[in-house]
Amino acid sequence: MHMDPVAARRTQAGAPVVHGVHVALWALDTLIGSGAVLGPIASVQAVFNRFVYLDTPVDIRIAQATDDMVEAVVSAAGVETTTVTIGLGRSEAVTVEAFDHPAVATKERMPNAPPLSAMAKQAGWIPPEGNENLFPHLSSAIGARRVGAIALTSRLVGMLCPGLHSVFGSLDVAVVGDHPRPGLGFQVDVANVRTRLVRMSVAGSGLAGSVIAFARREAVAQPPMDRVAAHVVPGCFAGTTALVTGGSRGLGALTARILAAGGARTIVTYAVGRDDAAAVAAEINAFAAKAVCSAVRYDMMECAGLQIEGVTHLYHFASPRIYRQKAALFDAAVFGEFGRAYLGAFFELCVALRPNVAFFPSSVFVEAGRPSEMAEYAMAKAAGEILCEEMNRVEGFPRVLSRRLPRMLTDQTATLARVATEDALATLLPVVKDVQAVTASR
């Protein structure tokens, strides 16, 4: 979620984000360098509430300042993301015994991915890495080794525990006596299977305290080809060629499998997930024992349409990131992005491909009860429904079908807490059958 845009789109963030600890260290360094923090530092607390996306303007403001503490808030594009609290005063004149655990390997490129049930047994010692030189003002205030230890908490959460599927919740450490062993020790105190919360004690290099993280759910895997085929009559969609935008994953990939199970030729599109799209095509072709599916690149935010002959059915599942962080009730730029994806791109594809029928997936979030941050998404979907009505009124356009789909479990809807969702296969099967039943142009 920090380095790979394709991997990041399958996380809660949806796109690459800055390490939370980097944001906190930057904030601490900025506060000290600006003179906003005077006197010795006794403790540091950071709470990570929202993501900081790459290339987003960031600012910091002091929310509260007393003789004992300074509290500051970091905002990204107007959205409050991180709260940093600095406790002032002399540090405890004691040396905390760091954990006597063996050193853990820290140079692997791939993070650990232990099951949540096994995290309660995690413990170890992380050697230093030299990140302290990036924050000179903070290093001058609390010492370079302590800065390095704070930075190591990011490696702890992101690489070791919870590891690959993690979100950093908060950090709370006190400045204490130094420890001769460089680095940071940790041990898991709580790993709650229900809330997916992981609380760890940390100590070493002049710091002692706790870290809270959350174990994200793994990327959502839609039903594979063999399971899908068990619910589809062989040959029921034979003689049709379907283009599925956004077919590299999620509901688009599942729709492509349903179509292929019924004997349709399928074309799946991708914007950045080329390997994912190729894997979907390979799975379908292996099942059919012949080349019935292909993958093509299509970026709906850039292209005016695809020039592909013989497409009889269009399914428009391509979508930008649905959940957005925003500072205002309404964001015109976000609405414009959704409008481009759901209105402009869909219309242009219908004009360019001239399929017999096109499917526009709307959403129940058009109705009341949607989360407030999804207003622009719902408004664009509602406008898409109107576009479908208008196209159906005019001769020469393909027949357009639209359905308000319920919430189904996908990468874009997965959350830490379990939320009621409908079964994707059971929901999409009748939809695909209805769309495929339209075979003749008007």
Protein backbone atom coordinates (compact mmCIF):
# COMPACT_ATOMS: atom_id res chain seq x y z
CA MET A 1 0.00 0.00 0.00
CA HIS A 2 3.04 2.28 0.19
CA MET A 3 5.06 1.18 -2.84
CA ASP A 4 2.87 -0.64 -5.36
CA PRO A 5 -0.20 1.08 -6.89
CA VAL A 6 -1.61 -2.24 -8.11
CA ALA A 7 -1.32 -3.82 -4.68
CA ALA A 8 -2.54 -0.65 -2.98
CA ARG A 9 -5.82 -0.63 -4.90
CA ARG A 10 -6.72 -3.89 -3.14
CA THR A 11 -6.38 -2.34 0.32
CA GLN A 12 -8.55 0.05 2.30
CA ALA A 13 -6.38 2.92 1.09
CA GLY A 14 -7.08 2.16 -2.57
CA ALA A 15 -3.92 3.97 -3.69
CA PRO A 16 -0.35 4.40 -2.39
CA VAL A 17 -0.09 6.32 0.89
CA VAL A 18 2.68 7.76 3.03
CA HIS A 19 3.87 5.73 6.02
CA GLY A 20 2.01 7.03 9.07
CA VAL A 21 5.16 7.06 11.19
CA HIS A 22 6.91 9.15 8.53
CA VAL A 23 4.08 11.69 8.82
CA ALA A 24 4.44 11.72 12.61
CA LEU A 25 8.22 12.12 12.49
CA TRP A 26 7.89 14.94 9.95
CA ALA A 27 5.37 16.65 12.22
CA LEU A 28 7.62 16.31 15.28
CA ASP A 29 10.64 17.56 13.36
CA THR A 30 8.67 20.51 11.97
CA LEU A 31 7.27 21.52 15.36
CA ILE A 32 10.68 21.44 17.01
CA GLY A 33 12.42 23.16 14.11
CA SER A 34 9.85 25.99 14.09
CA GLY A 35 10.27 26.66 17.82
CA ALA A 36 6.74 25.54 18.65
CA VAL A 37 8.14 23.00 21.13
CA LEU A 38 10.50 24.33 23.80
CA GLY A 39 12.10 22.40 26.62
CA PRO A 40 12.78 18.70 27.08
CA ILE A 41 10.46 16.07 25.61
CA ALA A 42 9.11 13.40 27.95
CA SER A 43 6.72 11.50 25.68
CA VAL A 44 5.38 11.23 22.14
CA GLN A 45 1.96 10.07 21.06
CA ALA A 46 0.68 9.77 17.49
CA VAL A 47 -2.80 8.71 16.40
CA PHE A 48 -3.34 7.86 12.74
CA ASN A 49 -6.94 8.58 11.77
CA ARG A 50 -6.80 8.91 7.98
CA PHE A 51 -4.40 8.16 5.14
CA VAL A 52 -2.00 10.69 3.60
CA TYR A 53 -1.97 10.01 -0.14
CA LEU A 54 1.10 10.66 -2.23
CA ASP A 55 1.47 14.09 -3.84
CA THR A 56 -1.14 15.58 -1.50
CA PRO A 57 -0.47 18.99 0.12
CA VAL A 58 0.09 18.57 3.87
CA ASP A 59 -0.02 21.16 6.65
CA ILE A 60 0.26 21.16 10.41
CA ARG A 61 -1.45 23.31 13.05
CA ILE A 62 -1.16 23.49 16.82
CA ALA A 63 -4.49 22.51 18.34
CA GLN A 64 -3.51 22.93 21.98
CA ALA A 65 -0.44 24.06 23.91
CA THR A 66 0.18 24.16 27.67
CA ASP A 67 3.20 24.08 29.94
CA ASP A 68 2.98 20.29 29.91
CA MET A 69 2.12 19.40 26.32
CA VAL A 70 1.74 20.45 22.70
CA GLU A 71 -0.93 18.85 20.53
CA ALA A 72 -0.78 19.28 16.77
CA VAL A 73 -2.95 18.07 13.90
CA VAL A 74 -1.66 17.14 10.45
CA SER A 75 -4.08 17.65 7.56
CA ALA A 76 -3.81 16.47 3.97
CA ALA A 77 -5.83 18.47 1.43
CA GLY A 78 -7.96 19.76 4.32
CA VAL A 79 -8.64 16.34 5.85
CA GLU A 80 -7.33 15.79 9.37
CA THR A 81 -5.19 12.67 9.21
CA THR A 82 -2.83 12.52 12.19
CA THR A 83 -2.77 13.86 15.73
CA VAL A 84 0.63 14.23 17.41
CA THR A 85 0.94 15.00 21.13
CA ILE A 86 4.27 15.89 22.73
CA GLY A 87 4.56 15.60 26.49
CA LEU A 88 6.97 18.15 27.96
CA GLY A 89 9.22 17.77 31.00
CA ARG A 90 12.14 15.76 32.21
CA SER A 91 12.12 12.11 31.16
CA GLU A 92 12.05 9.35 33.70
CA ALA A 93 15.47 8.79 35.23
CA VAL A 94 15.17 5.03 34.90
CA THR A 95 16.38 2.42 32.48
CA VAL A 96 13.61 0.16 31.20
CA GLU A 97 14.64 -3.40 30.62
CA ALA A 98 14.18 -4.03 26.91
CA PHE A 99 12.87 -7.39 25.84
CA ASP A 100 15.46 -10.12 25.70
CA HIS A 101 14.26 -11.53 22.39
CA PRO A 102 16.35 -12.73 19.46
CA ALA A 103 16.83 -10.38 16.54
CA VAL A 104 14.38 -10.77 13.69
CA ALA A 105 15.28 -10.71 10.02
CA THR A 106 14.47 -7.26 8.65
CA LYS A 107 15.85 -7.24 5.12
CA GLU A 108 13.27 -9.42 3.38
CA ARG A 109 11.40 -7.65 0.62
CA MET A 110 8.08 -9.32 1.43
CA PRO A 111 6.27 -8.63 4.72
CA ASN A 112 5.20 -11.40 7.07
CA ALA A 113 1.55 -12.40 6.88
CA PRO A 114 0.83 -14.44 10.03
CA PRO A 115 -2.77 -15.44 10.78
CA LEU A 116 -4.37 -13.27 13.45
CA SER A 117 -4.63 -16.26 15.78
CA ALA A 118 -0.82 -16.64 15.73
CA MET A 119 0.02 -12.99 16.39
CA ALA A 120 -0.31 -13.32 20.17
CA LYS A 121 2.95 -15.28 20.18
CA GLN A 122 4.94 -12.70 18.20
CA ALA A 123 8.01 -11.12 19.84
CA GLY A 124 11.47 -10.07 18.76
CA TRP A 125 14.18 -7.46 18.47
CA ILE A 126 14.54 -5.19 15.43
CA PRO A 127 18.04 -3.88 14.63
CA PRO A 128 18.46 -0.15 13.81
CA GLU A 129 18.33 1.13 10.22
CA GLY A 130 19.66 4.70 10.25
CA ASN A 131 16.43 6.64 9.53
CA GLU A 132 17.22 9.20 12.23
CA ASN A 133 19.31 11.36 9.87
CA LEU A 134 16.14 12.35 8.02
CA PHE A 135 14.87 14.34 11.03
CA PRO A 136 17.70 16.50 12.40
CA HIS A 137 15.64 18.75 14.72
CA LEU A 138 13.97 15.79 16.40
CA SER A 139 17.29 13.95 16.68
CA SER A 140 18.79 16.98 18.42
CA ALA A 141 15.87 17.07 20.88
CA ILE A 142 15.59 13.41 21.93
CA GLY A 143 18.65 11.74 20.44
CA ALA A 144 19.20 9.96 17.14
CA ARG A 145 18.75 6.47 18.59
CA ARG A 146 15.29 7.33 19.89
CA VAL A 147 14.27 8.76 16.51
CA GLY A 148 15.48 5.55 14.89
CA ALA A 149 13.46 3.50 17.38
CA ILE A 150 10.28 5.44 16.55
CA ALA A 151 10.94 4.82 12.86
CA LEU A 152 11.33 1.09 13.56
CA THR A 153 7.72 0.89 14.74
CA SER A 154 6.73 1.33 11.09
CA ARG A 155 8.78 -1.73 10.14
CA LEU A 156 7.31 -3.58 13.11
CA VAL A 157 3.73 -2.99 12.02
CA GLY A 158 4.18 -3.16 8.25
CA MET A 159 6.70 -5.98 7.93
CA LEU A 160 6.45 -8.13 11.05
CA CYS A 161 3.18 -7.87 12.99
CA PRO A 162 0.49 -7.65 11.72
CA GLY A 163 2.69 -7.41 8.62
CA LEU A 164 1.37 -7.44 5.08
CA HIS A 165 -2.28 -6.89 6.04
CA SER A 166 -1.93 -4.07 8.54
CA VAL A 167 -3.04 -0.56 9.42
CA PHE A 168 -1.06 1.47 12.00
CA GLY A 169 -3.47 2.78 14.64
CA SER A 170 -1.41 4.66 17.20
CA LEU A 171 1.95 5.03 18.91
CA ASP A 172 2.49 6.04 22.56
CA VAL A 173 6.04 6.07 23.94
CA ALA A 174 7.86 7.67 26.85
CA VAL A 175 11.43 8.91 26.77
CA VAL A 176 13.37 6.77 29.29
CA GLY A 177 16.95 5.81 30.02
CA ASP A 178 18.92 4.42 27.12
CA HIS A 179 19.57 0.73 26.60
CA PRO A 180 22.92 -0.67 25.45
CA ARG A 181 21.35 -2.86 22.78
CA PRO A 182 20.60 -0.73 19.67
CA GLY A 183 17.21 -1.15 18.05
CA LEU A 184 13.73 -1.88 19.36
CA GLY A 185 12.21 -4.86 21.12
CA PHE A 186 8.54 -5.80 20.91
CA GLN A 187 6.06 -8.33 22.16
CA VAL A 188 2.36 -8.73 21.44
CA ASP A 189 0.11 -8.21 24.44
CA VAL A 190 -3.30 -8.47 22.76
CA ALA A 191 -4.44 -9.90 19.42
CA ASN A 192 -8.23 -9.65 19.36
CA VAL A 193 -9.78 -11.85 16.69
CA ARG A 194 -13.14 -10.06 16.82
CA THR A 195 -11.92 -6.45 16.54
CA ARG A 196 -8.69 -7.39 14.71
CA LEU A 197 -6.80 -5.08 17.08
CA VAL A 198 -3.18 -5.90 17.92
CA ARG A 199 -1.55 -4.14 20.86
CA MET A 200 2.21 -4.49 21.37
CA SER A 201 4.64 -3.33 24.03
CA VAL A 202 7.82 -1.78 22.66
CA ALA A 203 11.07 -0.83 24.41
CA GLY A 204 14.65 -0.02 23.52
CA SER A 205 17.01 2.78 22.52
CA GLY A 206 15.65 5.09 25.21
CA LEU A 207 11.95 4.56 24.55
CA ALA A 208 9.22 2.48 26.16
CA GLY A 209 5.52 2.29 25.44
CA SER A 210 2.96 0.69 23.19
CA VAL A 211 1.83 0.41 19.60
CA ILE A 212 -1.70 -0.35 18.40
CA ALA A 213 -2.30 -1.75 14.92
CA PHE A 214 -5.12 -3.46 13.10
CA ALA A 215 -4.97 -6.57 10.97
CA ARG A 216 -6.70 -5.78 7.70
CA ARG A 217 -8.67 -8.42 5.93
CA GLU A 218 -6.90 -9.96 2.97
CA ALA A 219 -7.75 -8.98 -0.57
CA VAL A 220 -11.16 -10.30 -1.54
CA ALA A 221 -11.08 -13.30 -3.88
CA GLN A 222 -14.20 -13.75 -6.01
CA PRO A 223 -15.38 -17.31 -6.80
CA PRO A 224 -13.06 -19.15 -9.23
CA MET A 225 -14.07 -20.45 -12.63
CA ASP A 226 -14.96 -23.99 -11.59
CA ARG A 227 -17.28 -22.80 -8.83
CA VAL A 228 -18.94 -20.27 -11.14
CA ALA A 229 -19.44 -22.86 -13.89
CA ALA A 230 -21.39 -25.08 -11.51
CA HIS A 231 -24.18 -22.47 -11.56
CA VAL A 232 -24.27 -21.71 -15.31
CA VAL A 233 -25.81 -23.79 -18.07
CA PRO A 234 -23.04 -24.60 -20.60
CA GLY A 235 -23.56 -22.84 -23.93
CA CYS A 236 -26.37 -20.57 -22.72
CA PHE A 237 -24.41 -17.47 -23.81
CA ALA A 238 -22.82 -18.98 -26.92
CA GLY A 239 -22.59 -16.77 -29.97
CA THR A 240 -22.08 -13.55 -28.02
CA THR A 241 -18.99 -11.44 -27.41
CA ALA A 242 -18.93 -9.43 -24.21
CA LEU A 243 -16.59 -6.61 -23.23
CA VAL A 244 -16.22 -6.25 -19.46
CA THR A 245 -14.52 -3.06 -18.35
CA GLY A 246 -12.76 -3.34 -15.02
CA GLY A 247 -12.56 -7.08 -15.59
CA SER A 248 -9.20 -7.60 -13.94
CA ARG A 249 -10.69 -8.03 -10.46
CA GLY A 250 -13.80 -7.78 -8.33
CA LEU A 251 -17.28 -7.83 -9.83
CA GLY A 252 -15.93 -7.32 -13.35
CA ALA A 253 -13.77 -10.44 -13.14
CA LEU A 254 -16.66 -12.42 -11.68
CA THR A 255 -18.95 -11.26 -14.50
CA ALA A 256 -16.36 -12.35 -17.07
CA ARG A 257 -16.24 -15.81 -15.49
CA ILE A 258 -20.05 -16.09 -15.56
CA LEU A 259 -20.13 -15.12 -19.23
CA ALA A 260 -17.34 -17.52 -20.17
CA ALA A 261 -18.99 -20.35 -18.25
CA GLY A 262 -22.00 -19.86 -20.49
CA GLY A 263 -19.93 -19.99 -23.67
CA ALA A 264 -19.53 -16.28 -24.43
CA ARG A 265 -16.32 -14.87 -25.80
CA THR A 266 -15.06 -12.28 -23.33
CA ILE A 267 -12.72 -9.31 -23.38
CA VAL A 268 -11.64 -7.92 -20.02
CA THR A 269 -10.09 -4.49 -19.68
CA TYR A 270 -7.63 -3.11 -17.15
CA ALA A 271 -6.10 0.29 -16.46
CA VAL A 272 -3.12 -0.67 -14.27
CA GLY A 273 -3.65 -4.32 -13.28
CA ARG A 274 -2.25 -5.96 -16.40
CA ASP A 275 -1.08 -9.08 -14.58
CA ASP A 276 -4.42 -9.43 -12.80
CA ALA A 277 -6.29 -9.17 -16.10
CA ALA A 278 -3.96 -11.67 -17.74
CA ALA A 279 -4.54 -14.09 -14.87
CA VAL A 280 -8.32 -13.82 -15.30
CA ALA A 281 -8.00 -14.48 -19.04
CA ALA A 282 -5.65 -17.41 -18.46
CA GLU A 283 -8.03 -18.96 -15.92
CA ILE A 284 -10.97 -18.67 -18.32
CA ASN A 285 -9.00 -20.03 -21.29
CA ALA A 286 -7.70 -22.97 -19.27
CA PHE A 287 -11.26 -23.85 -18.27
CA ALA A 288 -12.53 -23.59 -21.85
CA ALA A 289 -9.45 -25.37 -23.24
CA LYS A 290 -9.25 -22.69 -25.93
CA ALA A 291 -8.67 -18.96 -26.31
CA VAL A 292 -12.07 -17.44 -25.52
CA CYS A 293 -10.90 -14.55 -23.35
CA SER A 294 -8.41 -11.74 -23.94
CA ALA A 295 -7.24 -8.74 -21.93
CA VAL A 296 -6.81 -5.21 -23.30
CA ARG A 297 -5.75 -1.98 -21.62
CA TYR A 298 -8.40 0.70 -21.30
CA ASP A 299 -8.13 3.73 -19.04
CA MET A 300 -11.54 5.34 -18.91
CA MET A 301 -10.00 8.56 -17.57
CA GLU A 302 -7.82 8.91 -20.69
CA CYS A 303 -9.34 7.05 -23.64
CA ALA A 304 -12.32 8.13 -25.67
CA GLY A 305 -13.33 4.55 -26.31
CA LEU A 306 -12.18 1.23 -27.68
CA GLN A 307 -12.31 0.20 -31.31
CA ILE A 308 -13.20 -3.48 -31.14
CA GLU A 309 -15.37 -5.20 -33.74
CA GLY A 310 -18.11 -7.67 -32.97
CA VAL A 311 -18.91 -6.78 -29.35
CA THR A 312 -22.52 -7.71 -28.69
CA HIS A 313 -22.69 -6.97 -24.95
CA LEU A 314 -20.99 -4.34 -22.81
CA TYR A 315 -20.63 -4.51 -19.01
CA HIS A 316 -19.20 -1.33 -17.50
CA PHE A 317 -17.65 -2.27 -14.14
CA ALA A 318 -14.58 -0.02 -14.37
CA SER A 319 -14.56 2.38 -11.44
CA PRO A 320 -12.33 4.87 -9.66
CA ARG A 321 -11.69 4.43 -5.95
CA ILE A 322 -15.13 4.69 -4.34
CA TYR A 323 -14.41 5.72 -0.76
CA ARG A 324 -12.82 9.18 -0.56
CA GLN A 325 -11.38 11.33 2.18
CA LYS A 326 -12.70 14.85 1.81
CA ALA A 327 -12.84 18.00 3.88
CA ALA A 328 -16.09 19.42 2.53
CA LEU A 329 -19.64 18.11 2.22
CA PHE A 330 -19.30 18.12 -1.56
CA ASP A 331 -16.16 17.93 -3.70
CA ALA A 332 -16.70 18.98 -7.31
CA ALA A 333 -13.43 17.40 -8.46
CA VAL A 334 -14.40 14.02 -6.99
CA PHE A 335 -17.84 14.27 -8.60
CA GLY A 336 -16.18 15.12 -11.90
CA GLU A 337 -14.01 12.02 -11.68
CA PHE A 338 -17.00 9.79 -11.02
CA GLY A 339 -18.95 11.54 -13.75
CA ARG A 340 -16.17 10.90 -16.24
CA ALA A 341 -16.04 7.23 -15.28
CA TYR A 342 -19.73 6.45 -15.13
CA LEU A 343 -21.18 8.88 -17.67
CA GLY A 344 -18.59 10.04 -20.19
CA ALA A 345 -16.70 6.76 -20.52
CA PHE A 346 -19.85 4.63 -20.59
CA PHE A 347 -21.48 6.78 -23.27
CA GLU A 348 -18.35 6.86 -25.41
CA LEU A 349 -18.00 3.09 -25.24
CA CYS A 350 -21.62 2.63 -26.29
CA VAL A 351 -21.06 4.92 -29.27
CA ALA A 352 -17.75 3.34 -30.28
CA LEU A 353 -18.67 -0.33 -29.82
CA ARG A 354 -22.36 -0.25 -30.79
CA PRO A 355 -23.19 -3.38 -28.81
CA ASN A 356 -26.67 -4.86 -28.89
CA VAL A 357 -27.02 -4.19 -25.17
CA ALA A 358 -25.03 -2.43 -22.46
CA PHE A 359 -25.20 -2.89 -18.73
CA PHE A 360 -24.80 0.03 -16.33
CA PRO A 361 -24.31 -1.10 -12.72
CA SER A 362 -25.94 1.43 -10.43
CA SER A 363 -26.03 1.15 -6.65
CA VAL A 364 -28.45 1.03 -3.74
CA PHE A 365 -26.40 3.92 -2.33
CA VAL A 366 -28.40 6.12 -4.72
CA GLU A 367 -31.16 5.67 -2.16
CA ALA A 368 -31.13 6.93 1.43
CA GLY A 369 -28.82 5.44 4.03
CA ARG A 370 -25.47 5.82 2.25
CA PRO A 371 -22.32 6.93 4.10
CA SER A 372 -21.82 10.69 3.88
CA GLU A 373 -18.44 10.35 2.12
CA MET A 374 -20.15 8.58 -0.79
CA ALA A 375 -22.37 11.46 -1.90
CA GLU A 376 -20.45 12.19 -5.12
CA TYR A 377 -20.39 8.49 -6.02
CA ALA A 378 -24.14 8.15 -5.48
CA MET A 379 -24.87 11.33 -7.42
CA ALA A 380 -22.87 10.09 -10.41
CA LYS A 381 -24.64 6.73 -10.32
CA ALA A 382 -28.02 8.50 -10.21
CA ALA A 383 -27.00 10.61 -13.19
CA GLY A 384 -25.94 7.42 -14.97
CA GLU A 385 -29.43 6.02 -14.52
CA ILE A 386 -30.85 9.12 -16.21
CA LEU A 387 -28.36 8.74 -19.06
CA CYS A 388 -29.52 5.15 -19.53
CA GLU A 389 -33.14 6.32 -19.74
CA GLU A 390 -32.23 8.91 -22.35
CA MET A 391 -30.29 6.41 -24.47
CA ASN A 392 -33.20 4.00 -24.38
CA ARG A 393 -35.46 6.74 -25.75
CA VAL A 394 -33.33 7.35 -28.85
CA GLU A 395 -33.08 5.07 -31.86
CA GLY A 396 -29.61 3.97 -32.89
CA PHE A 397 -28.21 3.50 -29.41
CA PRO A 398 -27.83 0.10 -27.82
CA ARG A 399 -30.44 -1.13 -25.42
CA VAL A 400 -29.23 -0.19 -21.94
CA LEU A 401 -30.08 -2.10 -18.78
CA SER A 402 -29.35 -0.74 -15.32
CA ARG A 403 -29.70 -2.37 -11.90
CA ARG A 404 -29.17 -0.93 -8.44
CA LEU A 405 -26.80 -3.51 -7.07
CA PRO A 406 -26.62 -4.18 -3.32
CA ARG A 407 -23.41 -3.97 -1.34
CA MET A 408 -21.27 -7.00 -2.16
CA LEU A 409 -17.91 -7.95 -0.68
CA THR A 410 -15.12 -6.60 -2.90
CA ASP A 411 -11.76 -4.90 -2.42
CA GLN A 412 -13.58 -1.56 -2.42
CA THR A 413 -16.16 -2.51 0.21
CA ALA A 414 -14.02 -4.61 2.60
CA THR A 415 -13.64 -3.01 6.05
CA LEU A 416 -12.09 -3.98 9.38
CA ALA A 417 -15.54 -4.47 10.87
CA ARG A 418 -17.84 -7.01 9.30
CA VAL A 419 -20.62 -5.30 7.33
CA ALA A 420 -23.60 -7.13 5.89
CA THR A 421 -23.07 -7.89 2.20
CA GLU A 422 -24.89 -9.90 -0.44
CA ASP A 423 -23.35 -12.91 -2.16
CA ALA A 424 -21.75 -11.59 -5.35
CA LEU A 425 -22.28 -14.71 -7.46
CA ALA A 426 -25.92 -15.11 -6.47
CA THR A 427 -26.52 -11.40 -7.14
CA LEU A 428 -24.81 -11.17 -10.52
CA LEU A 429 -26.05 -14.43 -12.07
CA PRO A 430 -29.62 -13.22 -12.74
CA VAL A 431 -28.33 -9.83 -13.87
CA VAL A 432 -26.03 -11.39 -16.49
CA LYS A 433 -28.84 -13.66 -17.68
CA ASP A 434 -31.14 -10.65 -18.16
CA VAL A 435 -28.50 -8.72 -20.08
CA GLN A 436 -27.53 -11.66 -22.25
CA ALA A 437 -31.17 -12.28 -23.10
CA VAL A 438 -31.12 -9.10 -25.19
CA THR A 439 -29.56 -10.22 -28.45
CA ALA A 440 -30.94 -7.97 -31.20
CA SER A 441 -30.28 -4.30 -31.89
CA ARG A 442 -33.21 -1.94 -31.93
